[in-house]
Amino acid sequence: MLSHHLQGALKDLRELIEITESDINDIKEAKHETQFSRLSLKEEKISSFETKKSMIDYEISQLIASHPNIELPSLLTSQQHQLLDELKVELANLHEVNKRYAKMVLAVSNLYNTFLEKLVPIEMQGYEKVAARRPSFLEVRA
């Protein structure tokens, strides 16, 4: 059963990486709607991975509890060791892909915020930003 959960977790991780790579490509081409349409799929995959990870933790704790005098590496098969190694690699890959994606999202967010601040000037009132009260909403310069 442990091997089954490990394989499922690996599949979810690889699909999450693929979805995030698609998000990176779409953000480069300003295809934001396709990114937003994948959000529910991404959340579903994250939830699925978390469930499988919990099952992996449970299976490992059951193995340890049923064989208290044997160390964990001795309890696992070579296939399970390989799957755990692959899981570690894929988690590192997901971390790197998410880091690249986060940098791009931050850059795009800053760009949009800068545009918005140019269009709708704001003033600070204490710690809050509020729209500046000017007679004209937009200013035209020639």
N, C-alpha and C. Protein backbone atom coordinates (compact mmCIF):
# COMPACT_ATOMS: atom_id res chain seq x y z
N MET A 1 0.82 -1.20 0.00
CA MET A 1 0.00 0.00 0.00
C MET A 1 0.87 1.27 0.00
N LEU A 2 1.99 1.20 0.71
CA LEU A 2 2.90 2.34 0.76
C LEU A 2 3.40 2.69 -0.64
N SER A 3 3.76 1.69 -1.41
CA SER A 3 4.25 1.92 -2.78
C SER A 3 3.17 2.60 -3.63
N HIS A 4 1.94 2.17 -3.44
CA HIS A 4 0.82 2.76 -4.19
C HIS A 4 0.67 4.25 -3.86
N HIS A 5 0.73 4.59 -2.58
CA HIS A 5 0.61 6.00 -2.17
C HIS A 5 1.80 6.82 -2.66
N LEU A 6 2.98 6.23 -2.64
CA LEU A 6 4.17 6.93 -3.14
C LEU A 6 4.04 7.22 -4.63
N GLN A 7 3.57 6.24 -5.39
CA GLN A 7 3.39 6.43 -6.83
C GLN A 7 2.34 7.51 -7.11
N GLY A 8 1.26 7.50 -6.34
CA GLY A 8 0.22 8.52 -6.51
C GLY A 8 0.73 9.90 -6.17
N ALA A 9 1.52 10.02 -5.10
CA ALA A 9 2.08 11.32 -4.71
C ALA A 9 3.04 11.83 -5.79
N LEU A 10 3.83 10.92 -6.35
CA LEU A 10 4.75 11.30 -7.44
C LEU A 10 3.97 11.81 -8.65
N LYS A 11 2.90 11.12 -8.98
CA LYS A 11 2.08 11.53 -10.13
C LYS A 11 1.51 12.93 -9.89
N ASP A 12 1.00 13.17 -8.68
CA ASP A 12 0.45 14.49 -8.35
C ASP A 12 1.52 15.57 -8.44
N LEU A 13 2.71 15.29 -7.92
CA LEU A 13 3.80 16.27 -7.97
C LEU A 13 4.19 16.60 -9.40
N ARG A 14 4.30 15.57 -10.21
CA ARG A 14 4.68 15.80 -11.62
C ARG A 14 3.62 16.61 -12.35
N GLU A 15 2.35 16.35 -12.06
CA GLU A 15 1.28 17.13 -12.67
C GLU A 15 1.28 18.57 -12.17
N LEU A 16 1.58 18.77 -10.90
CA LEU A 16 1.69 20.13 -10.37
C LEU A 16 2.82 20.90 -11.04
N ILE A 17 3.94 20.23 -11.25
CA ILE A 17 5.07 20.86 -11.93
C ILE A 17 4.67 21.23 -13.36
N GLU A 18 3.98 20.33 -14.03
CA GLU A 18 3.54 20.59 -15.40
C GLU A 18 2.56 21.77 -15.46
N ILE A 19 1.64 21.83 -14.53
CA ILE A 19 0.67 22.93 -14.48
C ILE A 19 1.40 24.25 -14.22
N THR A 20 2.34 24.23 -13.29
CA THR A 20 3.08 25.46 -12.96
C THR A 20 3.94 25.91 -14.13
N GLU A 21 4.54 24.96 -14.86
CA GLU A 21 5.30 25.31 -16.07
C GLU A 21 4.38 25.96 -17.10
N SER A 22 3.16 25.44 -17.23
CA SER A 22 2.17 26.04 -18.14
C SER A 22 1.83 27.45 -17.68
N ASP A 23 1.71 27.64 -16.38
CA ASP A 23 1.43 28.97 -15.83
C ASP A 23 2.56 29.94 -16.17
N ILE A 24 3.79 29.47 -16.06
CA ILE A 24 4.95 30.31 -16.38
C ILE A 24 4.91 30.72 -17.85
N ASN A 25 4.64 29.76 -18.72
CA ASN A 25 4.56 30.08 -20.15
C ASN A 25 3.42 31.05 -20.44
N ASP A 26 2.29 30.85 -19.78
CA ASP A 26 1.14 31.74 -20.00
C ASP A 26 1.37 33.14 -19.45
N ILE A 27 2.07 33.24 -18.34
CA ILE A 27 2.32 34.58 -17.79
C ILE A 27 3.25 35.36 -18.71
N LYS A 28 4.15 34.65 -19.39
CA LYS A 28 5.04 35.31 -20.34
C LYS A 28 4.27 35.87 -21.52
N GLU A 29 3.18 35.20 -21.88
CA GLU A 29 2.37 35.62 -23.02
C GLU A 29 1.12 36.39 -22.60
N ALA A 30 1.03 36.73 -21.32
CA ALA A 30 -0.09 37.49 -20.75
C ALA A 30 -1.43 36.77 -20.96
N LYS A 31 -1.42 35.47 -20.87
CA LYS A 31 -2.65 34.68 -20.96
C LYS A 31 -3.14 34.38 -19.55
N HIS A 32 -3.64 35.42 -18.90
CA HIS A 32 -4.01 35.30 -17.49
C HIS A 32 -5.27 34.47 -17.28
N GLU A 33 -6.19 34.53 -18.22
CA GLU A 33 -7.43 33.78 -18.06
C GLU A 33 -7.18 32.28 -18.04
N THR A 34 -6.24 31.80 -18.85
CA THR A 34 -5.95 30.37 -18.83
C THR A 34 -5.31 29.96 -17.51
N GLN A 35 -4.52 30.85 -16.95
CA GLN A 35 -3.94 30.59 -15.63
C GLN A 35 -5.04 30.47 -14.59
N PHE A 36 -5.95 31.43 -14.61
CA PHE A 36 -7.03 31.42 -13.62
C PHE A 36 -7.91 30.20 -13.79
N SER A 37 -8.09 29.74 -15.02
CA SER A 37 -8.93 28.56 -15.25
C SER A 37 -8.30 27.29 -14.68
N ARG A 38 -6.98 27.30 -14.51
CA ARG A 38 -6.29 26.12 -13.96
C ARG A 38 -6.20 26.14 -12.44
N LEU A 39 -6.63 27.20 -11.80
CA LEU A 39 -6.50 27.29 -10.35
C LEU A 39 -7.20 26.15 -9.62
N SER A 40 -8.42 25.83 -10.04
CA SER A 40 -9.14 24.76 -9.35
C SER A 40 -8.44 23.42 -9.53
N LEU A 41 -7.89 23.18 -10.71
CA LEU A 41 -7.15 21.94 -10.97
C LEU A 41 -5.91 21.88 -10.08
N LYS A 42 -5.23 23.02 -9.96
CA LYS A 42 -4.03 23.09 -9.14
C LYS A 42 -4.38 22.82 -7.67
N GLU A 43 -5.45 23.43 -7.19
CA GLU A 43 -5.87 23.21 -5.80
C GLU A 43 -6.25 21.75 -5.57
N GLU A 44 -6.89 21.15 -6.56
CA GLU A 44 -7.27 19.74 -6.47
C GLU A 44 -6.03 18.85 -6.36
N LYS A 45 -5.02 19.14 -7.18
CA LYS A 45 -3.78 18.35 -7.15
C LYS A 45 -3.04 18.53 -5.83
N ILE A 46 -3.03 19.74 -5.30
CA ILE A 46 -2.38 19.99 -4.02
C ILE A 46 -3.08 19.21 -2.91
N SER A 47 -4.40 19.26 -2.92
CA SER A 47 -5.18 18.53 -1.92
C SER A 47 -4.95 17.02 -2.04
N SER A 48 -4.92 16.53 -3.26
CA SER A 48 -4.68 15.11 -3.51
C SER A 48 -3.30 14.71 -3.00
N PHE A 49 -2.29 15.54 -3.27
CA PHE A 49 -0.94 15.24 -2.81
C PHE A 49 -0.89 15.22 -1.28
N GLU A 50 -1.53 16.20 -0.65
CA GLU A 50 -1.51 16.25 0.82
C GLU A 50 -2.18 15.02 1.42
N THR A 51 -3.25 14.56 0.80
CA THR A 51 -3.93 13.35 1.28
C THR A 51 -3.00 12.14 1.14
N LYS A 52 -2.35 12.03 -0.01
CA LYS A 52 -1.44 10.89 -0.23
C LYS A 52 -0.24 10.96 0.70
N LYS A 53 0.23 12.16 0.97
CA LYS A 53 1.35 12.31 1.90
C LYS A 53 0.93 11.87 3.30
N SER A 54 -0.28 12.20 3.70
CA SER A 54 -0.78 11.75 5.00
C SER A 54 -0.86 10.23 5.06
N MET A 55 -1.29 9.64 3.96
CA MET A 55 -1.37 8.17 3.90
C MET A 55 0.03 7.54 3.94
N ILE A 56 0.98 8.19 3.30
CA ILE A 56 2.38 7.70 3.35
C ILE A 56 2.88 7.76 4.80
N ASP A 57 2.63 8.88 5.46
CA ASP A 57 3.04 9.02 6.86
C ASP A 57 2.40 7.95 7.73
N TYR A 58 1.11 7.70 7.49
CA TYR A 58 0.39 6.69 8.27
C TYR A 58 0.98 5.30 8.02
N GLU A 59 1.22 4.96 6.75
CA GLU A 59 1.77 3.64 6.42
C GLU A 59 3.15 3.44 7.04
N ILE A 60 3.97 4.48 7.00
CA ILE A 60 5.32 4.38 7.59
C ILE A 60 5.23 4.24 9.10
N SER A 61 4.34 5.00 9.73
CA SER A 61 4.20 4.87 11.19
C SER A 61 3.67 3.49 11.57
N GLN A 62 2.80 2.91 10.73
CA GLN A 62 2.32 1.55 10.99
C GLN A 62 3.45 0.53 10.86
N LEU A 63 4.30 0.72 9.86
CA LEU A 63 5.45 -0.18 9.70
C LEU A 63 6.37 -0.12 10.92
N ILE A 64 6.63 1.09 11.37
CA ILE A 64 7.52 1.27 12.52
C ILE A 64 6.89 0.67 13.77
N ALA A 65 5.58 0.90 13.94
CA ALA A 65 4.89 0.38 15.13
C ALA A 65 4.85 -1.15 15.13
N SER A 66 4.69 -1.75 13.98
CA SER A 66 4.60 -3.21 13.92
C SER A 66 5.97 -3.89 14.00
N HIS A 67 7.03 -3.14 13.76
CA HIS A 67 8.40 -3.68 13.85
C HIS A 67 9.27 -2.69 14.64
N PRO A 68 9.04 -2.57 15.93
CA PRO A 68 9.75 -1.54 16.72
C PRO A 68 11.26 -1.75 16.83
N ASN A 69 11.73 -2.95 16.65
CA ASN A 69 13.17 -3.22 16.82
C ASN A 69 13.96 -3.12 15.53
N ILE A 70 13.26 -2.83 14.41
CA ILE A 70 13.94 -2.76 13.11
C ILE A 70 13.91 -1.31 12.65
N GLU A 71 15.03 -0.85 12.15
CA GLU A 71 15.10 0.53 11.66
C GLU A 71 14.34 0.66 10.34
N LEU A 72 13.81 1.85 10.10
CA LEU A 72 12.97 2.09 8.92
C LEU A 72 13.63 1.70 7.60
N PRO A 73 14.87 2.09 7.34
CA PRO A 73 15.46 1.71 6.04
C PRO A 73 15.42 0.20 5.77
N SER A 74 15.48 -0.59 6.82
CA SER A 74 15.44 -2.05 6.65
C SER A 74 14.03 -2.54 6.37
N LEU A 75 13.03 -1.76 6.75
CA LEU A 75 11.64 -2.17 6.55
C LEU A 75 11.15 -1.91 5.13
N LEU A 76 11.80 -0.99 4.44
CA LEU A 76 11.34 -0.59 3.10
C LEU A 76 11.99 -1.45 2.02
N THR A 77 11.25 -1.68 0.96
CA THR A 77 11.78 -2.42 -0.18
C THR A 77 12.65 -1.49 -1.02
N SER A 78 13.40 -2.07 -1.94
CA SER A 78 14.24 -1.23 -2.80
C SER A 78 13.38 -0.32 -3.68
N GLN A 79 12.20 -0.82 -4.10
CA GLN A 79 11.30 0.01 -4.89
C GLN A 79 10.81 1.20 -4.07
N GLN A 80 10.49 0.98 -2.81
CA GLN A 80 10.02 2.06 -1.94
C GLN A 80 11.13 3.08 -1.70
N HIS A 81 12.35 2.60 -1.54
CA HIS A 81 13.49 3.53 -1.41
C HIS A 81 13.63 4.38 -2.67
N GLN A 82 13.50 3.73 -3.82
CA GLN A 82 13.61 4.45 -5.09
C GLN A 82 12.49 5.48 -5.22
N LEU A 83 11.27 5.10 -4.86
CA LEU A 83 10.13 6.03 -4.94
C LEU A 83 10.31 7.20 -3.99
N LEU A 84 10.83 6.94 -2.80
CA LEU A 84 11.10 8.04 -1.85
C LEU A 84 12.17 8.98 -2.39
N ASP A 85 13.19 8.43 -3.03
CA ASP A 85 14.23 9.26 -3.65
C ASP A 85 13.64 10.12 -4.77
N GLU A 86 12.79 9.50 -5.59
CA GLU A 86 12.14 10.25 -6.67
C GLU A 86 11.23 11.34 -6.11
N LEU A 87 10.54 11.03 -5.02
CA LEU A 87 9.67 12.01 -4.38
C LEU A 87 10.48 13.22 -3.90
N LYS A 88 11.63 12.94 -3.34
CA LYS A 88 12.51 14.02 -2.87
C LYS A 88 12.96 14.91 -4.05
N VAL A 89 13.34 14.27 -5.15
CA VAL A 89 13.78 15.01 -6.35
C VAL A 89 12.63 15.86 -6.90
N GLU A 90 11.43 15.26 -6.99
CA GLU A 90 10.29 16.00 -7.55
C GLU A 90 9.86 17.15 -6.64
N LEU A 91 9.98 16.97 -5.33
CA LEU A 91 9.67 18.07 -4.41
C LEU A 91 10.65 19.23 -4.61
N ALA A 92 11.91 18.90 -4.83
CA ALA A 92 12.92 19.94 -5.10
C ALA A 92 12.61 20.62 -6.44
N ASN A 93 12.20 19.84 -7.45
CA ASN A 93 11.83 20.42 -8.74
C ASN A 93 10.64 21.36 -8.60
N LEU A 94 9.63 20.92 -7.85
CA LEU A 94 8.45 21.76 -7.64
C LEU A 94 8.83 23.05 -6.93
N HIS A 95 9.72 22.94 -5.97
CA HIS A 95 10.18 24.14 -5.24
C HIS A 95 10.83 25.14 -6.20
N GLU A 96 11.68 24.65 -7.07
CA GLU A 96 12.37 25.53 -8.03
C GLU A 96 11.39 26.17 -9.01
N VAL A 97 10.46 25.36 -9.52
CA VAL A 97 9.47 25.87 -10.48
C VAL A 97 8.57 26.91 -9.80
N ASN A 98 8.17 26.63 -8.56
CA ASN A 98 7.34 27.59 -7.83
C ASN A 98 8.09 28.89 -7.55
N LYS A 99 9.39 28.78 -7.31
CA LYS A 99 10.19 29.98 -7.08
C LYS A 99 10.24 30.85 -8.33
N ARG A 100 10.43 30.20 -9.50
CA ARG A 100 10.44 30.96 -10.76
C ARG A 100 9.08 31.60 -11.00
N TYR A 101 8.03 30.84 -10.76
CA TYR A 101 6.66 31.35 -10.96
C TYR A 101 6.38 32.52 -10.03
N ALA A 102 6.78 32.41 -8.77
CA ALA A 102 6.53 33.47 -7.80
C ALA A 102 7.25 34.77 -8.19
N LYS A 103 8.46 34.64 -8.72
CA LYS A 103 9.19 35.84 -9.17
C LYS A 103 8.45 36.54 -10.30
N MET A 104 7.92 35.73 -11.22
CA MET A 104 7.20 36.31 -12.36
C MET A 104 5.88 36.95 -11.90
N VAL A 105 5.18 36.29 -11.00
CA VAL A 105 3.92 36.83 -10.48
C VAL A 105 4.18 38.14 -9.76
N LEU A 106 5.24 38.20 -8.98
CA LEU A 106 5.58 39.42 -8.26
C LEU A 106 5.90 40.56 -9.23
N ALA A 107 6.64 40.25 -10.28
CA ALA A 107 6.99 41.26 -11.28
C ALA A 107 5.74 41.79 -11.98
N VAL A 108 4.85 40.90 -12.37
CA VAL A 108 3.62 41.32 -13.05
C VAL A 108 2.73 42.11 -12.10
N SER A 109 2.65 41.67 -10.86
CA SER A 109 1.85 42.37 -9.86
C SER A 109 2.37 43.79 -9.65
N ASN A 110 3.68 43.92 -9.53
CA ASN A 110 4.28 45.25 -9.37
C ASN A 110 4.00 46.14 -10.57
N LEU A 111 4.07 45.56 -11.77
CA LEU A 111 3.78 46.31 -12.99
C LEU A 111 2.35 46.84 -12.97
N TYR A 112 1.39 45.95 -12.68
CA TYR A 112 -0.01 46.37 -12.65
C TYR A 112 -0.27 47.40 -11.55
N ASN A 113 0.34 47.22 -10.39
CA ASN A 113 0.18 48.19 -9.31
C ASN A 113 0.74 49.55 -9.68
N THR A 114 1.87 49.56 -10.38
CA THR A 114 2.46 50.82 -10.83
C THR A 114 1.54 51.51 -11.83
N PHE A 115 0.99 50.74 -12.78
CA PHE A 115 0.04 51.31 -13.73
C PHE A 115 -1.17 51.89 -13.02
N LEU A 116 -1.68 51.15 -12.06
CA LEU A 116 -2.86 51.60 -11.33
C LEU A 116 -2.57 52.88 -10.56
N GLU A 117 -1.41 52.96 -9.95
CA GLU A 117 -1.04 54.17 -9.21
C GLU A 117 -0.85 55.37 -10.13
N LYS A 118 -0.42 55.12 -11.36
CA LYS A 118 -0.29 56.21 -12.33
C LYS A 118 -1.67 56.69 -12.78
N LEU A 119 -2.61 55.73 -12.96
CA LEU A 119 -3.96 56.10 -13.40
C LEU A 119 -4.78 56.71 -12.28
N VAL A 120 -4.70 56.15 -11.10
CA VAL A 120 -5.47 56.63 -9.96
C VAL A 120 -4.47 57.00 -8.87
N PRO A 121 -4.09 58.26 -8.81
CA PRO A 121 -3.11 58.69 -7.81
C PRO A 121 -3.62 58.40 -6.39
N ILE A 122 -2.71 57.99 -5.53
CA ILE A 122 -3.09 57.68 -4.17
C ILE A 122 -2.31 58.54 -3.19
N GLU A 123 -2.88 58.69 -2.02
CA GLU A 123 -2.23 59.41 -0.94
C GLU A 123 -2.22 58.50 0.27
N MET A 124 -1.25 58.71 1.13
CA MET A 124 -1.20 57.94 2.37
C MET A 124 -1.95 58.71 3.45
N GLN A 125 -2.87 58.05 4.11
CA GLN A 125 -3.56 58.60 5.28
C GLN A 125 -3.23 57.66 6.43
N GLY A 126 -2.21 58.01 7.17
CA GLY A 126 -1.72 57.09 8.19
C GLY A 126 -1.04 55.92 7.51
N TYR A 127 -1.52 54.74 7.76
CA TYR A 127 -0.96 53.54 7.14
C TYR A 127 -1.78 53.05 5.96
N GLU A 128 -2.84 53.77 5.61
CA GLU A 128 -3.71 53.35 4.52
C GLU A 128 -3.49 54.19 3.28
N LYS A 129 -3.60 53.53 2.14
CA LYS A 129 -3.54 54.22 0.85
C LYS A 129 -4.97 54.50 0.41
N VAL A 130 -5.23 55.74 0.03
CA VAL A 130 -6.56 56.10 -0.47
C VAL A 130 -6.40 56.90 -1.75
N ALA A 131 -7.42 56.86 -2.59
CA ALA A 131 -7.38 57.63 -3.84
C ALA A 131 -7.32 59.11 -3.52
N ALA A 132 -6.45 59.82 -4.21
CA ALA A 132 -6.33 61.26 -4.00
C ALA A 132 -7.60 61.95 -4.47
N ARG A 133 -8.03 62.93 -3.74
CA ARG A 133 -9.25 63.64 -4.11
C ARG A 133 -8.87 64.84 -4.97
N ARG A 134 -9.00 64.67 -6.25
CA ARG A 134 -8.72 65.74 -7.20
C ARG A 134 -10.01 66.04 -7.94
N PRO A 135 -10.12 67.26 -8.48
CA PRO A 135 -11.32 67.60 -9.23
C PRO A 135 -11.52 66.71 -10.45
N SER A 136 -10.44 66.31 -11.10
CA SER A 136 -10.59 65.45 -12.28
C SER A 136 -9.95 64.11 -11.96
N PHE A 137 -10.61 63.04 -12.35
CA PHE A 137 -10.16 61.69 -12.08
C PHE A 137 -8.90 61.35 -12.87
N LEU A 138 -8.90 61.66 -14.14
CA LEU A 138 -7.74 61.42 -15.00
C LEU A 138 -7.19 62.73 -15.51
N GLU A 139 -5.91 62.77 -15.66
CA GLU A 139 -5.27 63.97 -16.13
C GLU A 139 -4.71 63.70 -17.52
N VAL A 140 -4.98 64.57 -18.45
CA VAL A 140 -4.47 64.41 -19.81
C VAL A 140 -3.33 65.41 -20.01
N ARG A 141 -2.20 64.88 -20.45
CA ARG A 141 -1.06 65.77 -20.71
C ARG A 141 -0.70 65.70 -22.17
N ALA A 142 -0.39 66.80 -22.75
CA ALA A 142 -0.05 66.83 -24.16
C ALA A 142 1.43 67.09 -24.35
